[in-house]
Amino acid sequence: MQVKQPLFFDTHQENKDADIQELIQGLLCPQATLSPKYFYDELGSVLFDAITLLPEYYPTRAELEIFVDQANEIHAQFPKQATWVDLGAGNCQKAVMLFTHTMPASYVAVDISTKYLSNNLKDLQAKYSELNVVGLGIDFSSSLTFPETLKEQMAGQPLLALYLGSSLGNFHPTEAFYFLQRLADLCKTGQPGSGLIIGIDLVKDSQTLERAYADELGVTAAFNLNVLRRVNSLLSSDFDLRDWQHFARFNAQESRVEMHLIAKRNLVVNLQGHQRAFKKDESIHTENSYKWSIKNFSDQLLKSGFTSVKHWTDSKSHFGLFWASLH
């Protein structure tokens, strides 16, 4: 018997020239920066999955607690016989966990790490042979344009967009607003009952926040340092990972955790025809993770085009789960 294979669209054909330009421009800035999207090659995706299992990394457990304790009320919001669009799906396990309460008609997994996503979808399709499983490799931070074939397949059903795990925190608040507008527009393409379920990390004490981004085992450090391997592969640059160390801090004024890579010594890096000197203790800013209040994020959802918002939190109020709909 022939095994059913998931349908896969890879629209994230990396534009190497654009990536090279973006990387060089960021690294030559007075405060050198790298976009967090470069974390997620195949190894980076595996390392992030490991981070979610760490005792210090509370968001995964807090989000799971909400889904378990508030299951009936949350799933009462979900449209039935819907197409689920899982943004940043990764290994797909967060969405799959929800299948026991509400089964989608179709499951569309979206991620920038196309090879990693493709491998996970094959296992998922084998387990759920009756489910219509689709993969979409895309950089959804800049575009939510779906292939016409996929749009035709999604037409005529309610749409449930999922953006779990607090990844929206990587966006500057202005960028987050425009991204939420795109999600509202996406939900408007679905039938009545369509909506968004989204996880958000909430403001809390700095010690809890900083421990979540600087674990004792050093997995987050490995995840952060791995981005230099990715840069070397794209730029043919000569970053030596041994010259750098991971650093995370909570910037209370900006309400965000910042991740940096700190130079351990004075050094010079070759960047495809350019050179960048780093002094000892100078940093490359690799990620921001903004933290929100319930009120601020609810207001943001309403301003972006959703008309109704509900939320739930875990027992410690560390994490918020929001349902935003169009009715």
Protein backbone atom coordinates (compact mmCIF):
# COMPACT_ATOMS: atom_id res chain seq x y z
CA MET A 1 0.00 0.00 0.00
CA GLN A 2 1.36 3.41 -0.95
CA VAL A 3 2.03 5.71 2.01
CA LYS A 4 0.31 9.09 1.74
CA GLN A 5 2.79 11.97 1.53
CA PRO A 6 2.16 15.50 2.76
CA LEU A 7 1.86 18.23 0.14
CA PHE A 8 4.79 20.65 0.44
CA PHE A 9 5.29 24.13 -0.99
CA ASP A 10 8.77 25.61 -0.61
CA THR A 11 8.44 29.32 -1.37
CA HIS A 12 11.39 30.16 0.90
CA GLN A 13 14.05 29.73 -1.77
CA GLU A 14 16.72 31.63 0.06
CA ASN A 15 17.78 34.70 -1.85
CA LYS A 16 21.46 34.42 -1.04
CA ASP A 17 22.29 37.87 -2.42
CA ALA A 18 19.65 39.54 -0.26
CA ASP A 19 20.71 37.52 2.80
CA ILE A 20 24.36 38.41 2.24
CA GLN A 21 23.52 42.10 1.92
CA GLU A 22 21.34 42.05 5.05
CA LEU A 23 23.95 40.19 7.09
CA ILE A 24 26.87 42.41 6.07
CA GLN A 25 24.85 45.58 6.65
CA GLY A 26 23.85 44.43 10.15
CA LEU A 27 27.35 43.33 11.13
CA LEU A 28 28.93 46.61 9.96
CA CYS A 29 26.57 48.77 12.06
CA PRO A 30 28.15 50.51 15.09
CA GLN A 31 26.05 48.11 17.20
CA ALA A 32 26.42 44.93 15.17
CA THR A 33 23.14 43.03 14.78
CA LEU A 34 21.84 39.78 13.31
CA SER A 35 18.20 38.95 12.60
CA PRO A 36 16.88 36.07 14.76
CA LYS A 37 15.49 34.42 11.61
CA TYR A 38 19.04 33.20 10.97
CA PHE A 39 18.88 31.05 14.11
CA TYR A 40 16.65 28.52 12.41
CA ASP A 41 18.73 26.27 10.23
CA GLU A 42 18.24 22.55 10.86
CA LEU A 43 20.60 22.45 13.87
CA GLY A 44 19.17 25.69 15.27
CA SER A 45 15.65 24.26 15.12
CA VAL A 46 16.75 21.14 17.03
CA LEU A 47 18.50 23.27 19.65
CA PHE A 48 15.39 25.41 20.11
CA ASP A 49 13.29 22.29 20.65
CA ALA A 50 15.80 21.32 23.37
CA ILE A 51 15.48 24.79 24.97
CA THR A 52 11.73 24.30 25.38
CA LEU A 53 12.44 21.26 27.61
CA LEU A 54 14.77 23.12 30.00
CA PRO A 55 13.62 23.73 33.60
CA GLU A 56 14.50 27.44 33.29
CA TYR A 57 12.40 27.91 30.15
CA TYR A 58 8.94 28.38 31.68
CA PRO A 59 6.94 29.55 28.58
CA THR A 60 6.41 26.05 27.17
CA ARG A 61 5.16 24.62 30.48
CA ALA A 62 3.04 27.70 31.22
CA GLU A 63 1.39 27.56 27.80
CA LEU A 64 0.73 23.81 28.20
CA GLU A 65 -0.78 24.43 31.65
CA ILE A 66 -3.24 26.90 30.13
CA PHE A 67 -4.24 24.51 27.34
CA VAL A 68 -4.80 21.69 29.86
CA ASP A 69 -6.56 23.64 32.62
CA GLN A 70 -8.72 25.76 30.31
CA ALA A 71 -9.21 23.17 27.56
CA ASN A 72 -13.01 23.25 27.34
CA GLU A 73 -13.27 27.03 27.21
CA ILE A 74 -10.40 27.40 24.71
CA HIS A 75 -11.61 24.71 22.33
CA ALA A 76 -15.15 26.11 22.47
CA GLN A 77 -13.75 29.09 20.51
CA PHE A 78 -12.18 26.97 17.76
CA PRO A 79 -14.14 26.68 14.51
CA LYS A 80 -15.10 23.11 13.57
CA GLN A 81 -13.98 21.48 10.32
CA ALA A 82 -11.44 24.26 9.86
CA THR A 83 -8.13 24.68 8.10
CA TRP A 84 -5.44 25.19 10.73
CA VAL A 85 -2.52 27.40 9.73
CA ASP A 86 0.31 26.75 12.20
CA LEU A 87 2.86 29.58 11.99
CA GLY A 88 6.39 28.67 13.11
CA ALA A 89 5.25 25.05 13.33
CA GLY A 90 8.73 23.55 13.91
CA ASN A 91 8.18 19.94 15.02
CA CYS A 92 4.37 20.48 14.95
CA GLN A 93 3.91 18.96 18.41
CA LYS A 94 2.12 21.95 19.97
CA ALA A 95 -0.63 21.82 17.37
CA VAL A 96 -0.81 18.02 17.39
CA MET A 97 -1.38 18.11 21.16
CA LEU A 98 -4.63 19.99 20.44
CA PHE A 99 -5.92 17.34 18.01
CA THR A 100 -7.31 15.25 20.90
CA HIS A 101 -9.91 17.98 21.58
CA THR A 102 -10.47 19.47 18.12
CA MET A 103 -9.47 17.81 14.87
CA PRO A 104 -8.80 20.11 11.89
CA ALA A 105 -10.09 19.37 8.42
CA SER A 106 -6.70 20.39 7.04
CA TYR A 107 -3.41 21.19 8.75
CA VAL A 108 -1.06 23.71 7.09
CA ALA A 109 2.33 23.90 8.83
CA VAL A 110 4.37 27.04 8.07
CA ASP A 111 8.05 27.48 8.92
CA ILE A 112 11.25 29.08 7.63
CA SER A 113 13.29 25.93 8.36
CA THR A 114 12.02 23.96 5.38
CA LYS A 115 14.05 20.75 5.69
CA TYR A 116 13.29 20.37 9.37
CA LEU A 117 9.59 21.01 8.76
CA SER A 118 9.43 18.58 5.84
CA ASN A 119 10.93 15.74 7.90
CA ASN A 120 8.46 16.30 10.74
CA LEU A 121 5.47 16.45 8.41
CA LYS A 122 6.27 13.02 6.95
CA ASP A 123 6.00 11.51 10.43
CA LEU A 124 2.81 13.46 11.12
CA GLN A 125 1.16 12.33 7.89
CA ALA A 126 2.06 8.71 8.65
CA LYS A 127 0.38 9.00 12.06
CA TYR A 128 -2.73 10.84 10.78
CA SER A 129 -3.30 9.21 7.40
CA GLU A 130 -6.80 10.69 6.95
CA LEU A 131 -5.70 14.26 7.68
CA ASN A 132 -4.92 16.63 4.82
CA VAL A 133 -1.34 17.69 5.78
CA VAL A 134 0.36 20.57 3.95
CA GLY A 135 3.78 22.16 4.52
CA LEU A 136 4.71 25.69 3.51
CA GLY A 137 8.32 26.86 3.65
CA ILE A 138 8.17 30.65 3.89
CA ASP A 139 9.64 33.59 5.79
CA PHE A 140 6.26 34.61 7.18
CA SER A 141 7.74 37.51 9.13
CA SER A 142 7.83 39.50 5.90
CA SER A 143 5.03 37.93 3.85
CA LEU A 144 1.92 35.80 4.36
CA THR A 145 1.29 35.24 0.66
CA PHE A 146 0.24 31.65 -0.01
CA PRO A 147 0.52 29.79 -3.34
CA GLU A 148 -2.68 29.92 -5.43
CA THR A 149 -3.09 26.13 -5.29
CA LEU A 150 -3.03 26.25 -1.50
CA LYS A 151 -5.44 29.22 -1.34
CA GLU A 152 -7.92 27.31 -3.54
CA GLN A 153 -7.60 24.29 -1.26
CA MET A 154 -8.26 26.44 1.85
CA ALA A 155 -11.28 28.25 0.36
CA GLY A 156 -14.71 27.45 1.74
CA GLN A 157 -13.60 26.51 5.27
CA PRO A 158 -13.18 28.46 8.51
CA LEU A 159 -9.57 29.26 9.24
CA LEU A 160 -7.79 28.86 12.57
CA ALA A 161 -4.39 30.61 12.69
CA LEU A 162 -2.05 29.41 15.44
CA TYR A 163 1.01 31.32 16.58
CA LEU A 164 2.10 29.59 19.75
CA GLY A 165 5.12 29.82 22.01
CA SER A 166 5.50 33.64 22.28
CA SER A 167 7.57 34.07 19.10
CA LEU A 168 5.78 37.35 18.38
CA GLY A 169 8.09 38.79 21.04
CA ASN A 170 10.89 38.78 18.45
CA PHE A 171 9.10 41.59 16.61
CA HIS A 172 9.51 45.23 17.58
CA PRO A 173 6.05 46.41 18.78
CA THR A 174 5.50 48.38 15.55
CA GLU A 175 6.43 45.33 13.46
CA ALA A 176 4.20 43.18 15.69
CA PHE A 177 1.26 45.48 14.92
CA TYR A 178 1.71 45.14 11.15
CA PHE A 179 2.17 41.38 11.49
CA LEU A 180 -1.06 41.10 13.50
CA GLN A 181 -2.80 43.11 10.77
CA ARG A 182 -1.63 40.50 8.24
CA LEU A 183 -2.98 37.74 10.50
CA ALA A 184 -6.34 39.54 10.75
CA ASP A 185 -6.42 39.81 6.95
CA LEU A 186 -5.59 36.09 6.69
CA CYS A 187 -8.47 35.20 9.04
CA LYS A 188 -10.83 37.35 6.94
CA THR A 189 -10.24 34.97 4.00
CA GLY A 190 -11.85 32.14 5.98
CA GLN A 191 -15.51 31.38 6.56
CA PRO A 192 -17.38 32.70 9.66
CA GLY A 193 -15.86 31.55 12.94
CA SER A 194 -12.27 32.11 11.80
CA GLY A 195 -9.77 33.44 14.32
CA LEU A 196 -6.31 33.45 15.86
CA ILE A 197 -4.92 31.67 18.92
CA ILE A 198 -1.62 33.23 19.99
CA GLY A 199 0.78 32.88 22.92
CA ILE A 200 2.50 35.88 24.53
CA ASP A 201 5.13 36.05 27.26
CA LEU A 202 4.09 38.51 29.97
CA VAL A 203 6.15 41.06 31.90
CA LYS A 204 7.55 39.63 35.15
CA ASP A 205 10.60 39.84 37.41
CA SER A 206 13.96 40.17 35.65
CA GLN A 207 15.53 37.16 37.38
CA THR A 208 12.93 34.74 36.00
CA LEU A 209 13.23 36.27 32.54
CA GLU A 210 17.03 36.22 32.40
CA ARG A 211 17.29 32.62 33.67
CA ALA A 212 14.99 31.53 30.84
CA TYR A 213 17.53 32.88 28.31
CA ALA A 214 20.73 31.77 30.08
CA ASP A 215 20.23 28.19 31.27
CA GLU A 216 22.78 26.33 33.38
CA LEU A 217 23.24 23.58 30.79
CA GLY A 218 24.26 26.10 28.11
CA VAL A 219 21.72 25.03 25.47
CA THR A 220 20.62 28.62 24.84
CA ALA A 221 24.28 29.62 24.54
CA ALA A 222 24.78 26.90 21.90
CA PHE A 223 21.63 28.09 20.09
CA ASN A 224 22.94 31.68 20.06
CA LEU A 225 26.47 30.72 19.01
CA ASN A 226 25.13 28.49 16.22
CA VAL A 227 24.02 31.63 14.35
CA LEU A 228 27.71 32.37 13.70
CA ARG A 229 28.04 28.99 11.97
CA ARG A 230 25.09 29.97 9.79
CA VAL A 231 26.69 33.34 8.99
CA ASN A 232 29.96 31.60 8.06
CA SER A 233 28.08 29.31 5.66
CA LEU A 234 26.25 32.22 3.99
CA LEU A 235 29.11 34.75 3.90
CA SER A 236 32.16 32.48 3.84
CA SER A 237 33.19 34.57 6.86
CA ASP A 238 35.65 33.44 9.51
CA PHE A 239 33.87 33.77 12.85
CA ASP A 240 35.52 31.48 15.41
CA LEU A 241 32.87 30.41 17.91
CA ARG A 242 35.54 30.07 20.61
CA ASP A 243 36.02 33.87 20.49
CA TRP A 244 32.45 34.58 21.60
CA GLN A 245 30.23 34.06 24.61
CA HIS A 246 26.48 34.18 25.12
CA PHE A 247 24.90 36.95 27.19
CA ALA A 248 21.25 37.73 28.01
CA ARG A 249 19.73 40.62 29.96
CA PHE A 250 16.33 42.15 30.61
CA ASN A 251 16.07 45.73 29.36
CA ALA A 252 13.29 47.06 31.60
CA GLN A 253 13.00 50.37 29.74
CA GLU A 254 12.22 48.59 26.46
CA SER A 255 10.39 45.68 28.17
CA ARG A 256 12.47 43.09 26.34
CA VAL A 257 15.05 40.39 26.95
CA GLU A 258 18.08 40.97 24.73
CA MET A 259 20.48 38.27 23.58
CA HIS A 260 24.01 39.21 22.61
CA LEU A 261 27.24 37.49 21.62
CA ILE A 262 30.19 39.12 23.42
CA ALA A 263 33.72 39.16 21.98
CA LYS A 264 36.19 37.56 24.42
CA ARG A 265 39.16 39.43 22.89
CA ASN A 266 40.02 42.07 20.30
CA LEU A 267 39.54 40.48 16.90
CA VAL A 268 38.90 41.10 13.19
CA VAL A 269 36.34 39.18 11.13
CA ASN A 270 36.42 38.92 7.33
CA LEU A 271 32.97 39.39 5.77
CA GLN A 272 33.13 38.72 2.03
CA GLY A 273 35.23 41.68 0.97
CA HIS A 274 34.67 43.63 4.19
CA GLN A 275 36.39 43.55 7.54
CA ARG A 276 34.86 44.25 10.93
CA ALA A 277 37.00 44.82 14.01
CA PHE A 278 35.48 43.94 17.38
CA LYS A 279 36.97 45.10 20.65
CA LYS A 280 36.99 42.85 23.70
CA ASP A 281 33.51 42.93 25.34
CA GLU A 282 31.89 44.44 22.22
CA SER A 283 28.68 42.64 21.27
CA ILE A 284 26.60 41.39 18.35
CA HIS A 285 22.91 41.90 19.21
CA THR A 286 21.19 38.70 18.02
CA GLU A 287 17.65 38.77 19.43
CA ASN A 288 15.00 40.78 21.26
CA SER A 289 12.10 39.13 23.04
CA TYR A 290 9.51 41.73 24.00
CA LYS A 291 7.26 41.12 27.01
CA TRP A 292 3.69 42.40 27.06
CA SER A 293 0.95 43.18 29.58
CA ILE A 294 -2.52 41.67 29.09
CA LYS A 295 -4.06 45.08 28.43
CA ASN A 296 -1.41 46.28 25.98
CA PHE A 297 -1.59 43.11 23.91
CA SER A 298 -5.40 42.99 23.94
CA ASP A 299 -5.43 46.60 22.68
CA GLN A 300 -2.91 45.68 19.98
CA LEU A 301 -5.11 42.85 18.71
CA LEU A 302 -8.18 45.10 18.52
CA LYS A 303 -6.29 47.88 16.75
CA SER A 304 -4.94 45.41 14.17
CA GLY A 305 -8.41 44.44 12.93
CA PHE A 306 -9.79 41.76 15.26
CA THR A 307 -13.09 42.65 16.90
CA SER A 308 -13.27 40.26 19.85
CA VAL A 309 -10.49 39.17 22.25
CA LYS A 310 -10.40 36.62 25.09
CA HIS A 311 -7.38 35.60 27.16
CA TRP A 312 -6.24 33.02 29.68
CA THR A 313 -3.12 32.88 31.89
CA ASP A 314 -1.26 30.20 33.81
CA SER A 315 -1.42 30.02 37.62
CA LYS A 316 1.63 32.30 38.02
CA SER A 317 0.49 34.79 35.34
CA HIS A 318 3.79 34.24 33.54
CA PHE A 319 2.21 33.60 30.15
CA GLY A 320 -0.88 34.70 28.23
CA LEU A 321 -2.90 32.82 25.63
CA PHE A 322 -5.20 34.97 23.49
CA TRP A 323 -8.13 34.17 21.21
CA ALA A 324 -8.86 36.92 18.66
CA SER A 325 -11.78 36.67 16.27
CA LEU A 326 -13.69 38.75 13.75
CA HIS A 327 -17.19 38.74 15.25
